Amino acid sequence: FDLILSVFSLMYKKNLKAVLKEFRRILKKDGELLVVVPHPIERMVKHIRNYFKRGKFLKINGNIRYFNYHWTLEDYLNSIISQGFRVEEIKELGSSSLKESYYPHYLVIRAKAI
């Protein structure tokens, strides 16, 4: 593949490195990986939780309950780098809502397979 687009999926994976290793395996050399996840800081800001407490946690959205995994910015970047990628660009995107525009909501990472 020339491009892998991973949008709002890595936070549901228990083993980041295993997923990224598979991405690297199927991606051509110099192929691009584009990752979009909720910004790791958002959990702390919205839910007043320990940013450094990694792993599985329960999320409740109305009547819907589900699990996902909290990974720090360091976890995402080091996992991507360690699995054979070079980070090309990082973007931290805010909200269009003035009320929530004081912190980044989304993290976008563009990396190249090496």
N, C-alpha and C. Protein backbone atom coordinates (compact mmCIF):
# COMPACT_ATOMS: atom_id res chain seq x y z
N PHE A 1 0.83 -1.19 0.00
CA PHE A 1 0.00 0.00 0.00
C PHE A 1 0.87 1.25 0.00
N ASP A 2 0.36 2.30 -0.60
CA ASP A 2 1.04 3.59 -0.61
C ASP A 2 0.66 4.46 0.58
N LEU A 3 -0.53 4.20 1.12
CA LEU A 3 -1.06 5.04 2.20
C LEU A 3 -1.92 4.20 3.14
N ILE A 4 -1.74 4.42 4.43
CA ILE A 4 -2.64 3.86 5.44
C ILE A 4 -3.21 5.03 6.21
N LEU A 5 -4.52 5.05 6.29
CA LEU A 5 -5.24 6.09 7.02
C LEU A 5 -5.91 5.43 8.21
N SER A 6 -5.49 5.81 9.40
CA SER A 6 -6.05 5.25 10.64
C SER A 6 -6.73 6.38 11.39
N VAL A 7 -8.05 6.40 11.32
CA VAL A 7 -8.83 7.49 11.92
C VAL A 7 -9.66 6.94 13.08
N PHE A 8 -9.40 7.46 14.27
CA PHE A 8 -10.13 7.09 15.48
C PHE A 8 -10.20 5.58 15.69
N SER A 9 -9.06 4.92 15.54
CA SER A 9 -9.04 3.47 15.77
C SER A 9 -7.95 3.03 16.74
N LEU A 10 -6.81 3.69 16.77
CA LEU A 10 -5.71 3.22 17.62
C LEU A 10 -6.05 3.25 19.11
N MET A 11 -6.96 4.10 19.53
CA MET A 11 -7.28 4.17 20.95
C MET A 11 -8.12 2.97 21.40
N TYR A 12 -8.52 2.12 20.46
CA TYR A 12 -9.25 0.89 20.81
C TYR A 12 -8.33 -0.32 20.82
N LYS A 13 -7.06 -0.11 20.58
CA LYS A 13 -6.11 -1.22 20.48
C LYS A 13 -5.28 -1.34 21.76
N LYS A 14 -5.23 -2.57 22.28
CA LYS A 14 -4.47 -2.84 23.50
C LYS A 14 -2.97 -2.77 23.26
N ASN A 15 -2.55 -3.17 22.06
CA ASN A 15 -1.12 -3.23 21.75
C ASN A 15 -0.81 -2.35 20.54
N LEU A 16 -0.44 -1.11 20.81
CA LEU A 16 -0.12 -0.16 19.74
C LEU A 16 0.97 -0.68 18.81
N LYS A 17 2.03 -1.20 19.41
CA LYS A 17 3.18 -1.62 18.60
C LYS A 17 2.82 -2.74 17.63
N ALA A 18 1.97 -3.66 18.05
CA ALA A 18 1.57 -4.76 17.16
C ALA A 18 0.80 -4.23 15.96
N VAL A 19 -0.09 -3.29 16.18
CA VAL A 19 -0.87 -2.70 15.08
C VAL A 19 0.06 -1.94 14.14
N LEU A 20 0.95 -1.14 14.70
CA LEU A 20 1.86 -0.34 13.88
C LEU A 20 2.87 -1.21 13.14
N LYS A 21 3.24 -2.32 13.74
CA LYS A 21 4.13 -3.27 13.06
C LYS A 21 3.44 -3.83 11.82
N GLU A 22 2.15 -4.16 11.94
CA GLU A 22 1.40 -4.66 10.79
C GLU A 22 1.22 -3.57 9.73
N PHE A 23 0.96 -2.35 10.17
CA PHE A 23 0.88 -1.23 9.22
C PHE A 23 2.18 -1.13 8.43
N ARG A 24 3.30 -1.22 9.13
CA ARG A 24 4.61 -1.10 8.46
C ARG A 24 4.83 -2.26 7.50
N ARG A 25 4.39 -3.45 7.89
CA ARG A 25 4.59 -4.63 7.04
C ARG A 25 3.88 -4.47 5.70
N ILE A 26 2.67 -3.92 5.71
CA ILE A 26 1.90 -3.85 4.47
C ILE A 26 2.11 -2.54 3.69
N LEU A 27 2.85 -1.61 4.28
CA LEU A 27 3.08 -0.32 3.63
C LEU A 27 4.40 -0.36 2.85
N LYS A 28 4.38 0.15 1.64
CA LYS A 28 5.60 0.24 0.83
C LYS A 28 6.60 1.18 1.50
N LYS A 29 7.89 0.96 1.19
CA LYS A 29 8.90 1.91 1.64
C LYS A 29 8.54 3.29 1.10
N ASP A 30 8.67 4.30 1.91
CA ASP A 30 8.29 5.68 1.61
C ASP A 30 6.77 5.88 1.54
N GLY A 31 6.00 4.83 1.86
CA GLY A 31 4.56 4.99 1.95
C GLY A 31 4.21 5.84 3.17
N GLU A 32 3.01 6.40 3.17
CA GLU A 32 2.63 7.30 4.26
C GLU A 32 1.60 6.68 5.18
N LEU A 33 1.76 7.01 6.45
CA LEU A 33 0.81 6.63 7.49
C LEU A 33 0.23 7.92 8.04
N LEU A 34 -1.08 8.00 8.08
CA LEU A 34 -1.76 9.15 8.66
C LEU A 34 -2.63 8.64 9.80
N VAL A 35 -2.34 9.10 11.01
CA VAL A 35 -3.05 8.68 12.21
C VAL A 35 -3.81 9.87 12.77
N VAL A 36 -5.09 9.65 13.08
CA VAL A 36 -5.90 10.66 13.75
C VAL A 36 -6.52 10.00 14.97
N VAL A 37 -6.28 10.59 16.14
CA VAL A 37 -6.83 10.09 17.40
C VAL A 37 -7.29 11.28 18.24
N PRO A 38 -8.17 11.03 19.21
CA PRO A 38 -8.44 12.10 20.16
C PRO A 38 -7.13 12.48 20.84
N HIS A 39 -6.90 13.74 21.04
CA HIS A 39 -5.65 14.17 21.67
C HIS A 39 -5.58 13.57 23.08
N PRO A 40 -4.44 12.99 23.47
CA PRO A 40 -4.33 12.38 24.79
C PRO A 40 -4.64 13.34 25.95
N ILE A 41 -4.41 14.61 25.78
CA ILE A 41 -4.65 15.57 26.86
C ILE A 41 -6.15 15.77 27.10
N GLU A 42 -6.96 15.46 26.08
CA GLU A 42 -8.40 15.68 26.19
C GLU A 42 -9.01 14.89 27.35
N ARG A 43 -8.55 13.66 27.54
CA ARG A 43 -9.08 12.83 28.63
C ARG A 43 -8.85 13.50 29.97
N MET A 44 -7.68 14.06 30.15
CA MET A 44 -7.36 14.70 31.42
C MET A 44 -8.21 15.95 31.62
N VAL A 45 -8.33 16.75 30.59
CA VAL A 45 -9.07 18.01 30.69
C VAL A 45 -10.55 17.76 30.91
N LYS A 46 -11.12 16.86 30.13
CA LYS A 46 -12.57 16.62 30.20
C LYS A 46 -12.97 15.80 31.42
N HIS A 47 -12.14 14.86 31.80
CA HIS A 47 -12.54 13.91 32.84
C HIS A 47 -11.69 14.01 34.11
N ILE A 48 -10.78 14.97 34.15
CA ILE A 48 -9.89 15.18 35.29
C ILE A 48 -9.27 13.86 35.75
N ARG A 49 -8.54 13.26 34.84
CA ARG A 49 -7.88 11.99 35.10
C ARG A 49 -6.37 12.18 35.00
N ASN A 50 -5.65 11.20 35.51
CA ASN A 50 -4.19 11.20 35.47
C ASN A 50 -3.72 10.96 34.03
N TYR A 51 -3.07 11.93 33.44
CA TYR A 51 -2.58 11.83 32.07
C TYR A 51 -1.65 10.63 31.88
N PHE A 52 -0.87 10.31 32.89
CA PHE A 52 0.14 9.25 32.76
C PHE A 52 -0.40 7.86 33.08
N LYS A 53 -1.66 7.75 33.45
CA LYS A 53 -2.26 6.43 33.71
C LYS A 53 -2.69 5.84 32.37
N ARG A 54 -1.86 4.95 31.87
CA ARG A 54 -2.10 4.36 30.56
C ARG A 54 -3.02 3.15 30.68
N GLY A 55 -3.59 2.78 29.55
CA GLY A 55 -4.32 1.53 29.49
C GLY A 55 -5.82 1.69 29.34
N LYS A 56 -6.51 0.59 29.61
CA LYS A 56 -7.94 0.46 29.37
C LYS A 56 -8.75 1.28 30.36
N PHE A 57 -9.79 1.93 29.85
CA PHE A 57 -10.71 2.63 30.74
C PHE A 57 -12.10 2.66 30.12
N LEU A 58 -13.08 2.76 30.98
CA LEU A 58 -14.48 2.77 30.58
C LEU A 58 -14.90 4.18 30.20
N LYS A 59 -15.58 4.30 29.07
CA LYS A 59 -16.16 5.59 28.67
C LYS A 59 -17.67 5.43 28.65
N ILE A 60 -18.35 6.45 29.10
CA ILE A 60 -19.81 6.45 29.10
C ILE A 60 -20.28 7.65 28.30
N ASN A 61 -21.09 7.39 27.30
CA ASN A 61 -21.63 8.44 26.44
C ASN A 61 -23.14 8.24 26.41
N GLY A 62 -23.84 8.93 27.30
CA GLY A 62 -25.28 8.72 27.43
C GLY A 62 -25.53 7.33 27.97
N ASN A 63 -26.29 6.52 27.24
CA ASN A 63 -26.58 5.14 27.65
C ASN A 63 -25.57 4.15 27.10
N ILE A 64 -24.60 4.62 26.35
CA ILE A 64 -23.62 3.73 25.73
C ILE A 64 -22.36 3.68 26.59
N ARG A 65 -21.94 2.46 26.91
CA ARG A 65 -20.71 2.24 27.67
C ARG A 65 -19.76 1.44 26.79
N TYR A 66 -18.50 1.86 26.75
CA TYR A 66 -17.52 1.14 25.96
C TYR A 66 -16.13 1.39 26.54
N PHE A 67 -15.20 0.53 26.14
CA PHE A 67 -13.83 0.64 26.61
C PHE A 67 -12.94 1.14 25.49
N ASN A 68 -11.96 1.92 25.86
CA ASN A 68 -10.86 2.20 24.96
C ASN A 68 -9.60 2.35 25.80
N TYR A 69 -8.51 2.69 25.16
CA TYR A 69 -7.22 2.75 25.84
C TYR A 69 -6.67 4.17 25.78
N HIS A 70 -6.12 4.60 26.89
CA HIS A 70 -5.48 5.91 26.93
C HIS A 70 -3.99 5.72 26.69
N TRP A 71 -3.48 6.40 25.69
CA TRP A 71 -2.04 6.42 25.41
C TRP A 71 -1.59 7.87 25.42
N THR A 72 -0.40 8.12 25.93
CA THR A 72 0.15 9.47 25.96
C THR A 72 0.71 9.83 24.58
N LEU A 73 1.00 11.10 24.40
CA LEU A 73 1.64 11.55 23.17
C LEU A 73 2.95 10.79 22.96
N GLU A 74 3.69 10.62 24.03
CA GLU A 74 4.95 9.87 23.98
C GLU A 74 4.73 8.44 23.50
N ASP A 75 3.68 7.79 23.99
CA ASP A 75 3.37 6.41 23.56
C ASP A 75 3.11 6.34 22.06
N TYR A 76 2.28 7.25 21.56
CA TYR A 76 1.98 7.24 20.13
C TYR A 76 3.24 7.47 19.30
N LEU A 77 4.00 8.51 19.63
CA LEU A 77 5.18 8.85 18.82
C LEU A 77 6.25 7.77 18.90
N ASN A 78 6.58 7.30 20.10
CA ASN A 78 7.62 6.29 20.23
C ASN A 78 7.22 4.96 19.59
N SER A 79 5.95 4.61 19.66
CA SER A 79 5.48 3.38 19.02
C SER A 79 5.60 3.48 17.50
N ILE A 80 5.23 4.61 16.96
CA ILE A 80 5.34 4.83 15.51
C ILE A 80 6.81 4.76 15.07
N ILE A 81 7.67 5.45 15.78
CA ILE A 81 9.10 5.48 15.44
C ILE A 81 9.72 4.09 15.57
N SER A 82 9.41 3.38 16.64
CA SER A 82 10.04 2.08 16.89
C SER A 82 9.62 1.00 15.89
N GLN A 83 8.53 1.24 15.18
CA GLN A 83 8.06 0.24 14.22
C GLN A 83 8.44 0.56 12.78
N GLY A 84 9.40 1.46 12.61
CA GLY A 84 9.95 1.69 11.28
C GLY A 84 9.37 2.85 10.51
N PHE A 85 8.93 3.86 11.24
CA PHE A 85 8.40 5.06 10.61
C PHE A 85 9.21 6.28 11.02
N ARG A 86 9.20 7.28 10.17
CA ARG A 86 9.79 8.57 10.49
C ARG A 86 8.64 9.57 10.56
N VAL A 87 8.50 10.23 11.69
CA VAL A 87 7.43 11.21 11.86
C VAL A 87 7.76 12.43 11.01
N GLU A 88 6.84 12.79 10.14
CA GLU A 88 7.02 13.92 9.23
C GLU A 88 6.32 15.18 9.74
N GLU A 89 5.18 15.00 10.39
CA GLU A 89 4.40 16.16 10.81
C GLU A 89 3.43 15.77 11.93
N ILE A 90 3.23 16.70 12.84
CA ILE A 90 2.26 16.53 13.92
C ILE A 90 1.38 17.77 13.93
N LYS A 91 0.08 17.55 14.04
CA LYS A 91 -0.87 18.66 14.17
C LYS A 91 -1.75 18.41 15.38
N GLU A 92 -2.00 19.47 16.13
CA GLU A 92 -2.91 19.41 17.26
C GLU A 92 -4.09 20.32 16.92
N LEU A 93 -5.24 19.71 16.74
CA LEU A 93 -6.41 20.45 16.28
C LEU A 93 -7.36 20.73 17.44
N GLY A 94 -7.85 21.96 17.48
CA GLY A 94 -8.81 22.36 18.51
C GLY A 94 -10.23 22.15 18.05
N SER A 95 -11.13 22.69 18.82
CA SER A 95 -12.56 22.61 18.52
C SER A 95 -13.02 23.92 17.91
N SER A 96 -14.08 23.85 17.13
CA SER A 96 -14.65 25.08 16.60
C SER A 96 -15.51 25.78 17.65
N SER A 97 -15.79 25.08 18.74
CA SER A 97 -16.57 25.66 19.83
C SER A 97 -15.67 26.54 20.69
N LEU A 98 -16.06 27.78 20.90
CA LEU A 98 -15.27 28.70 21.72
C LEU A 98 -15.10 28.15 23.13
N LYS A 99 -16.13 27.51 23.65
CA LYS A 99 -16.10 26.95 25.00
C LYS A 99 -14.99 25.91 25.16
N GLU A 100 -14.70 25.16 24.11
CA GLU A 100 -13.74 24.07 24.21
C GLU A 100 -12.47 24.32 23.39
N SER A 101 -12.19 25.57 23.06
CA SER A 101 -11.05 25.84 22.18
C SER A 101 -9.75 26.11 22.94
N TYR A 102 -9.72 25.83 24.22
CA TYR A 102 -8.53 26.13 25.02
C TYR A 102 -7.53 24.98 25.09
N TYR A 103 -7.84 23.86 24.49
CA TYR A 103 -6.92 22.72 24.48
C TYR A 103 -7.15 21.93 23.19
N PRO A 104 -6.17 21.14 22.78
CA PRO A 104 -6.34 20.38 21.54
C PRO A 104 -7.29 19.20 21.74
N HIS A 105 -8.13 18.97 20.77
CA HIS A 105 -9.07 17.85 20.82
C HIS A 105 -8.58 16.65 20.01
N TYR A 106 -7.84 16.92 18.95
CA TYR A 106 -7.41 15.85 18.06
C TYR A 106 -5.92 15.94 17.79
N LEU A 107 -5.33 14.78 17.62
CA LEU A 107 -3.91 14.67 17.30
C LEU A 107 -3.81 14.00 15.92
N VAL A 108 -3.08 14.64 15.03
CA VAL A 108 -2.85 14.10 13.69
C VAL A 108 -1.35 13.88 13.53
N ILE A 109 -0.98 12.67 13.16
CA ILE A 109 0.43 12.33 12.97
C ILE A 109 0.61 11.80 11.55
N ARG A 110 1.52 12.42 10.82
CA ARG A 110 1.86 11.95 9.47
C ARG A 110 3.27 11.39 9.54
N ALA A 111 3.41 10.13 9.11
CA ALA A 111 4.72 9.47 9.17
C ALA A 111 4.99 8.76 7.85
N LYS A 112 6.26 8.51 7.61
CA LYS A 112 6.69 7.84 6.38
C LYS A 112 7.39 6.53 6.75
N ALA A 113 7.09 5.47 6.01
CA ALA A 113 7.75 4.18 6.22
C ALA A 113 9.20 4.27 5.76
N ILE A 114 10.12 3.82 6.60
CA ILE A 114 11.55 3.86 6.24
C ILE A 114 12.12 2.45 6.15
